[in-house]
């Protein structure tokens, strides 16, 4: 079985580093991070991770839901959203991408681990 790799799309580099560190401490391989949609699509095409952890609120023309749709369409890579947004309209949009999970910030290590494990073993 190939090695599981995770990729984080988060516009706040401090939060991205914290999530990356927490995941590494749990034993996951974090293949990289991106702060915006253009960087995310480029790096994901290059790395082709097993799972993408996607913030919804991203700078630029595309938000995280739109980026997730492109990732799923182009690369068939599953998505777990990580966001502080729990607005029902946003969640309805997110559900249309059929994510493997939705983690609300702030979250615990146990919530992060459980969601990732469920996402990796649908």
PDB file of N, CA and C in Angstrom:
ATOM      1  N   UNK A   1       0.848  -1.183   0.000  1.00  0.00           N
ATOM      2  CA  UNK A   1       0.000   0.000   0.000  1.00  0.00           C
ATOM      3  C   UNK A   1       0.889   1.240   0.000  1.00  0.00           C
ATOM      4  N   UNK A   2       0.585   2.209  -0.878  1.00  0.00           N
ATOM      5  CA  UNK A   2       1.413   3.418  -0.925  1.00  0.00           C
ATOM      6  C   UNK A   2       1.300   4.223   0.375  1.00  0.00           C
ATOM      7  N   UNK A   3       2.328   5.020   0.634  1.00  0.00           N
ATOM      8  CA  UNK A   3       2.340   5.854   1.824  1.00  0.00           C
ATOM      9  C   UNK A   3       1.248   6.913   1.748  1.00  0.00           C
ATOM     10  N   UNK A   4       0.582   7.144   2.861  1.00  0.00           N
ATOM     11  CA  UNK A   4      -0.454   8.164   2.953  1.00  0.00           C
ATOM     12  C   UNK A   4       0.223   9.518   3.092  1.00  0.00           C
ATOM     13  N   UNK A   5      -0.176  10.465   2.251  1.00  0.00           N
ATOM     14  CA  UNK A   5       0.345  11.825   2.343  1.00  0.00           C
ATOM     15  C   UNK A   5      -0.818  12.800   2.459  1.00  0.00           C
ATOM     16  N   UNK A   6      -0.638  13.788   3.312  1.00  0.00           N
ATOM     17  CA  UNK A   6      -1.645  14.812   3.523  1.00  0.00           C
ATOM     18  C   UNK A   6      -1.127  16.142   2.996  1.00  0.00           C
ATOM     19  N   UNK A   7      -2.032  16.976   2.520  1.00  0.00           N
ATOM     20  CA  UNK A   7      -1.685  18.309   2.051  1.00  0.00           C
ATOM     21  C   UNK A   7      -2.639  19.294   2.707  1.00  0.00           C
ATOM     22  N   UNK A   8      -2.107  20.411   3.195  1.00  0.00           N
ATOM     23  CA  UNK A   8      -2.899  21.403   3.918  1.00  0.00           C
ATOM     24  C   UNK A   8      -3.024  22.679   3.088  1.00  0.00           C
ATOM     25  N   UNK A   9      -4.263  23.140   2.897  1.00  0.00           N
ATOM     26  CA  UNK A   9      -4.512  24.423   2.254  1.00  0.00           C
ATOM     27  C   UNK A   9      -5.110  25.327   3.323  1.00  0.00           C
ATOM     28  N   UNK A  10      -4.328  26.305   3.747  1.00  0.00           N
ATOM     29  CA  UNK A  10      -4.695  27.205   4.844  1.00  0.00           C
ATOM     30  C   UNK A  10      -4.036  28.546   4.598  1.00  0.00           C
ATOM     31  N   UNK A  11      -4.844  29.624   4.597  1.00  0.00           N
ATOM     32  CA  UNK A  11      -4.306  30.946   4.267  1.00  0.00           C
ATOM     33  C   UNK A  11      -3.479  31.568   5.385  1.00  0.00           C
ATOM     34  N   UNK A  12      -3.598  31.077   6.592  1.00  0.00           N
ATOM     35  CA  UNK A  12      -2.809  31.596   7.708  1.00  0.00           C
ATOM     36  C   UNK A  12      -1.600  30.677   7.918  1.00  0.00           C
ATOM     37  N   UNK A  13      -0.377  31.150   7.603  1.00  0.00           N
ATOM     38  CA  UNK A  13       0.791  30.277   7.699  1.00  0.00           C
ATOM     39  C   UNK A  13       1.069  29.766   9.115  1.00  0.00           C
ATOM     40  N   UNK A  14       0.708  30.526  10.121  1.00  0.00           N
ATOM     41  CA  UNK A  14       0.905  30.064  11.504  1.00  0.00           C
ATOM     42  C   UNK A  14       0.000  28.869  11.792  1.00  0.00           C
ATOM     43  N   UNK A  15      -1.252  28.957  11.367  1.00  0.00           N
ATOM     44  CA  UNK A  15      -2.185  27.846  11.564  1.00  0.00           C
ATOM     45  C   UNK A  15      -1.765  26.646  10.724  1.00  0.00           C
ATOM     46  N   UNK A  16      -1.348  26.890   9.479  1.00  0.00           N
ATOM     47  CA  UNK A  16      -0.883  25.789   8.619  1.00  0.00           C
ATOM     48  C   UNK A  16       0.296  25.068   9.257  1.00  0.00           C
ATOM     49  N   UNK A  17       1.248  25.825   9.792  1.00  0.00           N
ATOM     50  CA  UNK A  17       2.409  25.215  10.453  1.00  0.00           C
ATOM     51  C   UNK A  17       1.992  24.425  11.686  1.00  0.00           C
ATOM     52  N   UNK A  18       1.042  24.960  12.447  1.00  0.00           N
ATOM     53  CA  UNK A  18       0.567  24.265  13.641  1.00  0.00           C
ATOM     54  C   UNK A  18      -0.128  22.957  13.276  1.00  0.00           C
ATOM     55  N   UNK A  19      -0.995  22.997  12.278  1.00  0.00           N
ATOM     56  CA  UNK A  19      -1.676  21.774  11.836  1.00  0.00           C
ATOM     57  C   UNK A  19      -0.657  20.770  11.319  1.00  0.00           C
ATOM     58  N   UNK A  20       0.283  21.236  10.519  1.00  0.00           N
ATOM     59  CA  UNK A  20       1.328  20.358   9.977  1.00  0.00           C
ATOM     60  C   UNK A  20       2.117  19.706  11.104  1.00  0.00           C
ATOM     61  N   UNK A  21       2.510  20.492  12.087  1.00  0.00           N
ATOM     62  CA  UNK A  21       3.267  19.968  13.220  1.00  0.00           C
ATOM     63  C   UNK A  21       2.453  18.942  14.002  1.00  0.00           C
ATOM     64  N   UNK A  22       1.173  19.268  14.264  1.00  0.00           N
ATOM     65  CA  UNK A  22       0.313  18.350  15.010  1.00  0.00           C
ATOM     66  C   UNK A  22       0.153  17.037  14.261  1.00  0.00           C
ATOM     67  N   UNK A  23      -0.045  17.109  12.951  1.00  0.00           N
ATOM     68  CA  UNK A  23      -0.198  15.894  12.150  1.00  0.00           C
ATOM     69  C   UNK A  23       1.090  15.073  12.127  1.00  0.00           C
ATOM     70  N   UNK A  24       2.217  15.751  12.006  1.00  0.00           N
ATOM     71  CA  UNK A  24       3.506  15.057  12.021  1.00  0.00           C
ATOM     72  C   UNK A  24       3.725  14.351  13.355  1.00  0.00           C
ATOM     73  N   UNK A  25       3.353  15.009  14.442  1.00  0.00           N
ATOM     74  CA  UNK A  25       3.463  14.404  15.773  1.00  0.00           C
ATOM     75  C   UNK A  25       2.582  13.167  15.901  1.00  0.00           C
ATOM     76  N   UNK A  26       1.488  13.129  15.151  1.00  0.00           N
ATOM     77  CA  UNK A  26       0.591  11.970  15.161  1.00  0.00           C
ATOM     78  C   UNK A  26       1.097  10.857  14.247  1.00  0.00           C
ATOM     79  N   UNK A  27       2.149  11.136  13.495  1.00  0.00           N
ATOM     80  CA  UNK A  27       2.717  10.119  12.616  1.00  0.00           C
ATOM     81  C   UNK A  27       2.315  10.232  11.156  1.00  0.00           C
ATOM     82  N   UNK A  28       1.582  11.260  10.803  1.00  0.00           N
ATOM     83  CA  UNK A  28       1.187  11.446   9.407  1.00  0.00           C
ATOM     84  C   UNK A  28       2.301  12.129   8.622  1.00  0.00           C
ATOM     85  N   UNK A  29       2.346  11.854   7.327  1.00  0.00           N
ATOM     86  CA  UNK A  29       3.284  12.503   6.418  1.00  0.00           C
ATOM     87  C   UNK A  29       2.590  13.689   5.760  1.00  0.00           C
ATOM     88  N   UNK A  30       3.009  14.901   6.119  1.00  0.00           N
ATOM     89  CA  UNK A  30       2.456  16.114   5.507  1.00  0.00           C
ATOM     90  C   UNK A  30       3.354  16.470   4.329  1.00  0.00           C
ATOM     91  N   UNK A  31       2.788  16.366   3.128  1.00  0.00           N
ATOM     92  CA  UNK A  31       3.566  16.565   1.903  1.00  0.00           C
ATOM     93  C   UNK A  31       3.764  18.033   1.559  1.00  0.00           C
ATOM     94  N   UNK A  32       2.963  18.928   2.160  1.00  0.00           N
ATOM     95  CA  UNK A  32       3.125  20.341   1.885  1.00  0.00           C
ATOM     96  C   UNK A  32       1.925  21.150   2.305  1.00  0.00           C
ATOM     97  N   UNK A  33       2.074  22.458   2.122  1.00  0.00           N
ATOM     98  CA  UNK A  33       0.993  23.393   2.432  1.00  0.00           C
ATOM     99  C   UNK A  33       0.905  24.436   1.327  1.00  0.00           C
ATOM    100  N   UNK A  34      -0.251  25.085   1.246  1.00  0.00           N
ATOM    101  CA  UNK A  34      -0.456  26.194   0.310  1.00  0.00           C
ATOM    102  C   UNK A  34      -1.351  27.217   0.982  1.00  0.00           C
ATOM    103  N   UNK A  35      -1.154  28.489   0.616  1.00  0.00           N
ATOM    104  CA  UNK A  35      -1.910  29.575   1.234  1.00  0.00           C
ATOM    105  C   UNK A  35      -3.034  30.122   0.362  1.00  0.00           C
ATOM    106  N   UNK A  36      -3.064  29.770  -0.936  1.00  0.00           N
ATOM    107  CA  UNK A  36      -4.118  30.291  -1.812  1.00  0.00           C
ATOM    108  C   UNK A  36      -4.464  29.251  -2.872  1.00  0.00           C
ATOM    109  N   UNK A  37      -5.492  29.556  -3.652  1.00  0.00           N
ATOM    110  CA  UNK A  37      -6.010  28.588  -4.622  1.00  0.00           C
ATOM    111  C   UNK A  37      -5.012  28.237  -5.713  1.00  0.00           C
ATOM    112  N   UNK A  38      -4.313  29.225  -6.237  1.00  0.00           N
ATOM    113  CA  UNK A  38      -3.371  28.979  -7.334  1.00  0.00           C
ATOM    114  C   UNK A  38      -2.228  28.082  -6.866  1.00  0.00           C
ATOM    115  N   UNK A  39      -1.656  28.428  -5.727  1.00  0.00           N
ATOM    116  CA  UNK A  39      -0.572  27.613  -5.172  1.00  0.00           C
ATOM    117  C   UNK A  39      -1.079  26.211  -4.837  1.00  0.00           C
ATOM    118  N   UNK A  40      -2.284  26.109  -4.278  1.00  0.00           N
ATOM    119  CA  UNK A  40      -2.842  24.813  -3.915  1.00  0.00           C
ATOM    120  C   UNK A  40      -2.991  23.907  -5.135  1.00  0.00           C
ATOM    121  N   UNK A  41      -3.604  24.417  -6.188  1.00  0.00           N
ATOM    122  CA  UNK A  41      -3.816  23.587  -7.381  1.00  0.00           C
ATOM    123  C   UNK A  41      -2.493  23.165  -8.016  1.00  0.00           C
ATOM    124  N   UNK A  42      -1.547  24.059  -8.059  1.00  0.00           N
ATOM    125  CA  UNK A  42      -0.239  23.747  -8.633  1.00  0.00           C
ATOM    126  C   UNK A  42       0.499  22.680  -7.821  1.00  0.00           C
ATOM    127  N   UNK A  43       0.572  22.880  -6.529  1.00  0.00           N
ATOM    128  CA  UNK A  43       1.308  21.949  -5.663  1.00  0.00           C
ATOM    129  C   UNK A  43       0.631  20.583  -5.585  1.00  0.00           C
ATOM    130  N   UNK A  44      -0.708  20.573  -5.565  1.00  0.00           N
ATOM    131  CA  UNK A  44      -1.432  19.303  -5.489  1.00  0.00           C
ATOM    132  C   UNK A  44      -1.257  18.510  -6.779  1.00  0.00           C
ATOM    133  N   UNK A  45      -1.236  19.194  -7.905  1.00  0.00           N
ATOM    134  CA  UNK A  45      -0.972  18.503  -9.175  1.00  0.00           C
ATOM    135  C   UNK A  45       0.413  17.869  -9.160  1.00  0.00           C
ATOM    136  N   UNK A  46       1.367  18.563  -8.586  1.00  0.00           N
ATOM    137  CA  UNK A  46       2.751  18.084  -8.504  1.00  0.00           C
ATOM    138  C   UNK A  46       2.901  16.926  -7.514  1.00  0.00           C
ATOM    139  N   UNK A  47       2.311  17.058  -6.345  1.00  0.00           N
ATOM    140  CA  UNK A  47       2.511  16.096  -5.249  1.00  0.00           C
ATOM    141  C   UNK A  47       1.523  14.937  -5.299  1.00  0.00           C
ATOM    142  N   UNK A  48       0.304  15.205  -5.696  1.00  0.00           N
ATOM    143  CA  UNK A  48      -0.795  14.239  -5.724  1.00  0.00           C
ATOM    144  C   UNK A  48      -0.924  13.503  -4.375  1.00  0.00           C
ATOM    145  N   UNK A  49      -1.300  14.259  -3.318  1.00  0.00           N
ATOM    146  CA  UNK A  49      -1.427  13.665  -1.990  1.00  0.00           C
ATOM    147  C   UNK A  49      -2.615  12.700  -1.897  1.00  0.00           C
ATOM    148  N   UNK A  50      -2.664  11.967  -0.808  1.00  0.00           N
ATOM    149  CA  UNK A  50      -3.757  11.033  -0.555  1.00  0.00           C
ATOM    150  C   UNK A  50      -5.025  11.761  -0.121  1.00  0.00           C
ATOM    151  N   UNK A  51      -4.859  12.836   0.673  1.00  0.00           N
ATOM    152  CA  UNK A  51      -5.979  13.570   1.248  1.00  0.00           C
ATOM    153  C   UNK A  51      -5.596  15.040   1.375  1.00  0.00           C
ATOM    154  N   UNK A  52      -6.556  15.928   1.125  1.00  0.00           N
ATOM    155  CA  UNK A  52      -6.323  17.369   1.263  1.00  0.00           C
ATOM    156  C   UNK A  52      -7.185  17.902   2.402  1.00  0.00           C
ATOM    157  N   UNK A  53      -6.545  18.640   3.310  1.00  0.00           N
ATOM    158  CA  UNK A  53      -7.245  19.356   4.370  1.00  0.00           C
ATOM    159  C   UNK A  53      -7.406  20.789   3.890  1.00  0.00           C
ATOM    160  N   UNK A  54      -8.644  21.238   3.694  1.00  0.00           N
ATOM    161  CA  UNK A  54      -8.932  22.481   2.991  1.00  0.00           C
ATOM    162  C   UNK A  54      -9.651  23.498   3.860  1.00  0.00           C
ATOM    163  N   UNK A  55      -9.036  24.667   4.024  1.00  0.00           N
ATOM    164  CA  UNK A  55      -9.724  25.797   4.648  1.00  0.00           C
ATOM    165  C   UNK A  55     -10.712  26.353   3.627  1.00  0.00           C
ATOM    166  N   UNK A  56     -11.849  26.832   4.074  1.00  0.00           N
ATOM    167  CA  UNK A  56     -12.849  27.364   3.151  1.00  0.00           C
ATOM    168  C   UNK A  56     -12.566  28.816   2.786  1.00  0.00           C
ATOM    169  N   UNK A  57     -12.111  29.596   3.738  1.00  0.00           N
ATOM    170  CA  UNK A  57     -11.888  31.019   3.505  1.00  0.00           C
ATOM    171  C   UNK A  57     -10.467  31.244   2.988  1.00  0.00           C
ATOM    172  N   UNK A  58     -10.327  31.347   1.670  1.00  0.00           N
ATOM    173  CA  UNK A  58      -9.028  31.561   1.042  1.00  0.00           C
ATOM    174  C   UNK A  58      -9.018  32.899   0.299  1.00  0.00           C
ATOM    175  N   UNK A  59      -7.860  33.544   0.214  1.00  0.00           N
ATOM    176  CA  UNK A  59      -7.779  34.780  -0.560  1.00  0.00           C
ATOM    177  C   UNK A  59      -7.790  34.479  -2.064  1.00  0.00           C
ATOM    178  N   UNK A  60      -8.184  35.446  -2.845  1.00  0.00           N
ATOM    179  CA  UNK A  60      -8.147  35.277  -4.295  1.00  0.00           C
ATOM    180  C   UNK A  60      -9.521  35.037  -4.889  1.00  0.00           C
ATOM    181  N   UNK A  61      -9.512  34.614  -6.132  1.00  0.00           N
ATOM    182  CA  UNK A  61     -10.749  34.460  -6.892  1.00  0.00           C
ATOM    183  C   UNK A  61     -11.573  33.244  -6.484  1.00  0.00           C
ATOM    184  N   UNK A  62     -10.910  32.214  -5.970  1.00  0.00           N
ATOM    185  CA  UNK A  62     -11.610  30.987  -5.614  1.00  0.00           C
ATOM    186  C   UNK A  62     -11.547  30.770  -4.110  1.00  0.00           C
ATOM    187  N   UNK A  63     -12.691  30.399  -3.516  1.00  0.00           N
ATOM    188  CA  UNK A  63     -12.655  30.025  -2.113  1.00  0.00           C
ATOM    189  C   UNK A  63     -12.321  28.534  -2.007  1.00  0.00           C
ATOM    190  N   UNK A  64     -12.220  28.036  -0.801  1.00  0.00           N
ATOM    191  CA  UNK A  64     -11.822  26.649  -0.593  1.00  0.00           C
ATOM    192  C   UNK A  64     -12.773  25.635  -1.194  1.00  0.00           C
ATOM    193  N   UNK A  65     -14.059  25.954  -1.225  1.00  0.00           N
ATOM    194  CA  UNK A  65     -15.031  25.025  -1.809  1.00  0.00           C
ATOM    195  C   UNK A  65     -14.822  24.915  -3.313  1.00  0.00           C
ATOM    196  N   UNK A  66     -14.571  26.042  -3.961  1.00  0.00           N
ATOM    197  CA  UNK A  66     -14.302  26.021  -5.399  1.00  0.00           C
ATOM    198  C   UNK A  66     -12.992  25.286  -5.705  1.00  0.00           C
ATOM    199  N   UNK A  67     -11.981  25.509  -4.883  1.00  0.00           N
ATOM    200  CA  UNK A  67     -10.701  24.807  -5.062  1.00  0.00           C
ATOM    201  C   UNK A  67     -10.909  23.306  -4.854  1.00  0.00           C
ATOM    202  N   UNK A  68     -11.656  22.950  -3.832  1.00  0.00           N
ATOM    203  CA  UNK A  68     -11.935  21.529  -3.578  1.00  0.00           C
ATOM    204  C   UNK A  68     -12.630  20.881  -4.770  1.00  0.00           C
ATOM    205  N   UNK A  69     -13.592  21.580  -5.355  1.00  0.00           N
ATOM    206  CA  UNK A  69     -14.291  21.052  -6.538  1.00  0.00           C
ATOM    207  C   UNK A  69     -13.308  20.766  -7.668  1.00  0.00           C
ATOM    208  N   UNK A  70     -12.373  21.693  -7.886  1.00  0.00           N
ATOM    209  CA  UNK A  70     -11.364  21.503  -8.934  1.00  0.00           C
ATOM    210  C   UNK A  70     -10.442  20.319  -8.613  1.00  0.00           C
ATOM    211  N   UNK A  71     -10.035  20.199  -7.366  1.00  0.00           N
ATOM    212  CA  UNK A  71      -9.151  19.097  -6.961  1.00  0.00           C
ATOM    213  C   UNK A  71      -9.842  17.760  -7.175  1.00  0.00           C
ATOM    214  N   UNK A  72     -11.092  17.682  -6.791  1.00  0.00           N
ATOM    215  CA  UNK A  72     -11.849  16.442  -6.958  1.00  0.00           C
ATOM    216  C   UNK A  72     -12.036  16.141  -8.443  1.00  0.00           C
ATOM    217  N   UNK A  73     -12.399  17.158  -9.219  1.00  0.00           N
ATOM    218  CA  UNK A  73     -12.639  16.963 -10.659  1.00  0.00           C
ATOM    219  C   UNK A  73     -11.371  16.558 -11.399  1.00  0.00           C
ATOM    220  N   UNK A  74     -10.272  17.273 -11.143  1.00  0.00           N
ATOM    221  CA  UNK A  74      -9.037  17.035 -11.881  1.00  0.00           C
ATOM    222  C   UNK A  74      -8.230  15.839 -11.387  1.00  0.00           C
ATOM    223  N   UNK A  75      -8.204  15.649 -10.056  1.00  0.00           N
ATOM    224  CA  UNK A  75      -7.268  14.677  -9.491  1.00  0.00           C
ATOM    225  C   UNK A  75      -7.938  13.556  -8.695  1.00  0.00           C
ATOM    226  N   UNK A  76      -9.238  13.667  -8.459  1.00  0.00           N
ATOM    227  CA  UNK A  76      -9.980  12.673  -7.691  1.00  0.00           C
ATOM    228  C   UNK A  76      -9.357  12.418  -6.314  1.00  0.00           C
ATOM    229  N   UNK A  77      -8.956  13.500  -5.651  1.00  0.00           N
ATOM    230  CA  UNK A  77      -8.371  13.421  -4.317  1.00  0.00           C
ATOM    231  C   UNK A  77      -9.433  13.857  -3.313  1.00  0.00           C
ATOM    232  N   UNK A  78      -9.670  13.069  -2.271  1.00  0.00           N
ATOM    233  CA  UNK A  78     -10.693  13.443  -1.289  1.00  0.00           C
ATOM    234  C   UNK A  78     -10.295  14.660  -0.455  1.00  0.00           C
ATOM    235  N   UNK A  79     -11.324  15.323   0.063  1.00  0.00           N
ATOM    236  CA  UNK A  79     -11.171  16.573   0.805  1.00  0.00           C
ATOM    237  C   UNK A  79     -11.768  16.434   2.198  1.00  0.00           C
ATOM    238  N   UNK A  80     -11.086  17.017   3.172  1.00  0.00           N
ATOM    239  CA  UNK A  80     -11.650  17.273   4.498  1.00  0.00           C
ATOM    240  C   UNK A  80     -11.552  18.775   4.700  1.00  0.00           C
ATOM    241  N   UNK A  81     -12.690  19.407   4.974  1.00  0.00           N
ATOM    242  CA  UNK A  81     -12.674  20.839   5.233  1.00  0.00           C
ATOM    243  C   UNK A  81     -12.270  21.094   6.680  1.00  0.00           C
ATOM    244  N   UNK A  82     -11.469  22.139   6.865  1.00  0.00           N
ATOM    245  CA  UNK A  82     -11.135  22.647   8.193  1.00  0.00           C
ATOM    246  C   UNK A  82     -11.464  24.126   8.160  1.00  0.00           C
ATOM    247  N   UNK A  83     -12.461  24.532   8.965  1.00  0.00           N
ATOM    248  CA  UNK A  83     -12.908  25.913   8.881  1.00  0.00           C
ATOM    249  C   UNK A  83     -13.580  26.358  10.166  1.00  0.00           C
ATOM    250  N   UNK A  84     -13.569  27.644  10.395  1.00  0.00           N
ATOM    251  CA  UNK A  84     -14.331  28.206  11.513  1.00  0.00           C
ATOM    252  C   UNK A  84     -15.737  28.584  11.052  1.00  0.00           C
ATOM    253  N   UNK A  85     -16.002  28.440   9.770  1.00  0.00           N
ATOM    254  CA  UNK A  85     -17.299  28.812   9.197  1.00  0.00           C
ATOM    255  C   UNK A  85     -18.282  27.658   9.379  1.00  0.00           C
ATOM    256  N   UNK A  86     -19.392  27.966  10.046  1.00  0.00           N
ATOM    257  CA  UNK A  86     -20.441  26.955  10.202  1.00  0.00           C
ATOM    258  C   UNK A  86     -21.783  27.481   9.683  1.00  0.00           C
ATOM    259  N   UNK A  87     -21.719  28.495   8.845  1.00  0.00           N
ATOM    260  CA  UNK A  87     -22.891  29.075   8.201  1.00  0.00           C
ATOM    261  C   UNK A  87     -23.589  27.999   7.370  1.00  0.00           C
ATOM    262  N   UNK A  88     -24.910  27.916   7.484  1.00  0.00           N
ATOM    263  CA  UNK A  88     -25.633  26.839   6.797  1.00  0.00           C
ATOM    264  C   UNK A  88     -25.524  26.924   5.272  1.00  0.00           C
ATOM    265  N   UNK A  89     -25.493  28.118   4.707  1.00  0.00           N
ATOM    266  CA  UNK A  89     -25.363  28.242   3.246  1.00  0.00           C
ATOM    267  C   UNK A  89     -23.989  27.742   2.787  1.00  0.00           C
ATOM    268  N   UNK A  90     -22.953  28.077   3.539  1.00  0.00           N
ATOM    269  CA  UNK A  90     -21.602  27.598   3.209  1.00  0.00           C
ATOM    270  C   UNK A  90     -21.533  26.080   3.347  1.00  0.00           C
ATOM    271  N   UNK A  91     -22.128  25.563   4.410  1.00  0.00           N
ATOM    272  CA  UNK A  91     -22.100  24.108   4.603  1.00  0.00           C
ATOM    273  C   UNK A  91     -22.861  23.386   3.500  1.00  0.00           C
ATOM    274  N   UNK A  92     -23.950  23.971   3.016  1.00  0.00           N
ATOM    275  CA  UNK A  92     -24.688  23.365   1.904  1.00  0.00           C
ATOM    276  C   UNK A  92     -23.820  23.314   0.647  1.00  0.00           C
ATOM    277  N   UNK A  93     -23.091  24.400   0.381  1.00  0.00           N
ATOM    278  CA  UNK A  93     -22.165  24.408  -0.771  1.00  0.00           C
ATOM    279  C   UNK A  93     -21.088  23.344  -0.596  1.00  0.00           C
ATOM    280  N   UNK A  94     -20.539  23.270   0.608  1.00  0.00           N
ATOM    281  CA  UNK A  94     -19.475  22.301   0.880  1.00  0.00           C
ATOM    282  C   UNK A  94     -19.977  20.868   0.704  1.00  0.00           C
ATOM    283  N   UNK A  95     -21.182  20.588   1.145  1.00  0.00           N
ATOM    284  CA  UNK A  95     -21.732  19.227   1.037  1.00  0.00           C
ATOM    285  C   UNK A  95     -21.812  18.758  -0.415  1.00  0.00           C
ATOM    286  N   UNK A  96     -22.011  19.680  -1.338  1.00  0.00           N
ATOM    287  CA  UNK A  96     -22.121  19.311  -2.752  1.00  0.00           C
ATOM    288  C   UNK A  96     -20.823  18.716  -3.299  1.00  0.00           C
ATOM    289  N   UNK A  97     -19.690  18.987  -2.640  1.00  0.00           N
ATOM    290  CA  UNK A  97     -18.412  18.422  -3.088  1.00  0.00           C
ATOM    291  C   UNK A  97     -18.172  17.035  -2.503  1.00  0.00           C
ATOM    292  N   UNK A  98     -19.095  16.567  -1.672  1.00  0.00           N
ATOM    293  CA  UNK A  98     -18.992  15.254  -1.031  1.00  0.00           C
ATOM    294  C   UNK A  98     -17.679  15.085  -0.259  1.00  0.00           C
ATOM    295  N   UNK A  99     -17.434  15.990   0.688  1.00  0.00           N
ATOM    296  CA  UNK A  99     -16.189  15.891   1.459  1.00  0.00           C
ATOM    297  C   UNK A  99     -16.189  14.652   2.338  1.00  0.00           C
ATOM    298  N   UNK A 100     -15.002  14.240   2.748  1.00  0.00           N
ATOM    299  CA  UNK A 100     -14.865  13.100   3.653  1.00  0.00           C
ATOM    300  C   UNK A 100     -14.977  13.530   5.114  1.00  0.00           C
ATOM    301  N   UNK A 101     -15.078  14.859   5.344  1.00  0.00           N
ATOM    302  CA  UNK A 101     -15.223  15.354   6.701  1.00  0.00           C
ATOM    303  C   UNK A 101     -15.240  16.864   6.736  1.00  0.00           C
ATOM    304  N   UNK A 102     -15.619  17.397   7.902  1.00  0.00           N
ATOM    305  CA  UNK A 102     -15.685  18.845   8.115  1.00  0.00           C
ATOM    306  C   UNK A 102     -15.317  19.083   9.571  1.00  0.00           C
ATOM    307  N   UNK A 103     -14.164  19.684   9.793  1.00  0.00           N
ATOM    308  CA  UNK A 103     -13.671  19.944  11.138  1.00  0.00           C
ATOM    309  C   UNK A 103     -13.831  21.432  11.420  1.00  0.00           C
ATOM    310  N   UNK A 104     -14.462  21.754  12.543  1.00  0.00           N
ATOM    311  CA  UNK A 104     -14.683  23.147  12.915  1.00  0.00           C
ATOM    312  C   UNK A 104     -13.556  23.606  13.840  1.00  0.00           C
ATOM    313  N   UNK A 105     -12.932  24.739  13.454  1.00  0.00           N
ATOM    314  CA  UNK A 105     -11.886  25.345  14.276  1.00  0.00           C
ATOM    315  C   UNK A 105     -12.532  26.053  15.456  1.00  0.00           C
ATOM    316  N   UNK A 106     -11.917  26.063  16.594  1.00  0.00           N
ATOM    317  CA  UNK A 106     -10.728  25.303  16.980  1.00  0.00           C
ATOM    318  C   UNK A 106     -11.097  23.841  17.203  1.00  0.00           C
ATOM    319  N   UNK A 107     -10.146  22.965  17.020  1.00  0.00           N
ATOM    320  CA  UNK A 107     -10.394  21.538  17.140  1.00  0.00           C
ATOM    321  C   UNK A 107      -9.299  20.907  18.000  1.00  0.00           C
ATOM    322  N   UNK A 108      -9.581  19.707  18.457  1.00  0.00           N
ATOM    323  CA  UNK A 108      -8.606  18.978  19.260  1.00  0.00           C
ATOM    324  C   UNK A 108      -7.845  18.004  18.371  1.00  0.00           C
ATOM    325  N   UNK A 109      -6.739  17.507  18.894  1.00  0.00           N
ATOM    326  CA  UNK A 109      -5.982  16.494  18.166  1.00  0.00           C
ATOM    327  C   UNK A 109      -6.840  15.256  17.921  1.00  0.00           C
ATOM    328  N   UNK A 110      -7.649  14.878  18.906  1.00  0.00           N
ATOM    329  CA  UNK A 110      -8.507  13.700  18.745  1.00  0.00           C
ATOM    330  C   UNK A 110      -9.519  13.889  17.626  1.00  0.00           C
ATOM    331  N   UNK A 111     -10.101  15.097  17.516  1.00  0.00           N
ATOM    332  CA  UNK A 111     -11.044  15.367  16.430  1.00  0.00           C
ATOM    333  C   UNK A 111     -10.343  15.298  15.078  1.00  0.00           C
ATOM    334  N   UNK A 112      -9.139  15.857  15.025  1.00  0.00           N
ATOM    335  CA  UNK A 112      -8.369  15.853  13.787  1.00  0.00           C
ATOM    336  C   UNK A 112      -8.020  14.424  13.376  1.00  0.00           C
ATOM    337  N   UNK A 113      -7.482  13.647  14.311  1.00  0.00           N
ATOM    338  CA  UNK A 113      -7.093  12.269  14.023  1.00  0.00           C
ATOM    339  C   UNK A 113      -8.294  11.416  13.606  1.00  0.00           C
ATOM    340  N   UNK A 114      -9.390  11.512  14.355  1.00  0.00           N
ATOM    341  CA  UNK A 114     -10.569  10.698  14.052  1.00  0.00           C
ATOM    342  C   UNK A 114     -11.128  11.027  12.673  1.00  0.00           C
ATOM    343  N   UNK A 115     -11.200  12.297  12.342  1.00  0.00           N
ATOM    344  CA  UNK A 115     -11.733  12.697  11.033  1.00  0.00           C
ATOM    345  C   UNK A 115     -10.836  12.212   9.908  1.00  0.00           C
ATOM    346  N   UNK A 116      -9.539  12.348  10.070  1.00  0.00           N
ATOM    347  CA  UNK A 116      -8.610  11.894   9.034  1.00  0.00           C
ATOM    348  C   UNK A 116      -8.679  10.386   8.860  1.00  0.00           C
ATOM    349  N   UNK A 117      -8.707   9.657   9.960  1.00  0.00           N
ATOM    350  CA  UNK A 117      -8.786   8.194   9.869  1.00  0.00           C
ATOM    351  C   UNK A 117     -10.057   7.744   9.166  1.00  0.00           C
ATOM    352  N   UNK A 118     -11.179   8.383   9.469  1.00  0.00           N
ATOM    353  CA  UNK A 118     -12.434   8.033   8.801  1.00  0.00           C
ATOM    354  C   UNK A 118     -12.372   8.411   7.315  1.00  0.00           C
ATOM    355  N   UNK A 119     -11.747   9.540   7.011  1.00  0.00           N
ATOM    356  CA  UNK A 119     -11.638   9.985   5.621  1.00  0.00           C
ATOM    357  C   UNK A 119     -10.760   9.057   4.794  1.00  0.00           C
ATOM    358  N   UNK A 120      -9.727   8.503   5.418  1.00  0.00           N
ATOM    359  CA  UNK A 120      -8.797   7.614   4.700  1.00  0.00           C
ATOM    360  C   UNK A 120      -9.369   6.206   4.509  1.00  0.00           C
ATOM    361  N   UNK A 121     -10.373   5.871   5.281  1.00  0.00           N
ATOM    362  CA  UNK A 121     -10.964   4.529   5.212  1.00  0.00           C
ATOM    363  C   UNK A 121     -12.473   4.627   5.081  1.00  0.00           C
ATOM    364  N   UNK A 122     -12.931   5.123   3.912  1.00  0.00           N
ATOM    365  CA  UNK A 122     -14.386   5.341   3.747  1.00  0.00           C
ATOM    366  C   UNK A 122     -15.173   4.051   3.715  1.00  0.00           C
TER     367      UNK A 122
END
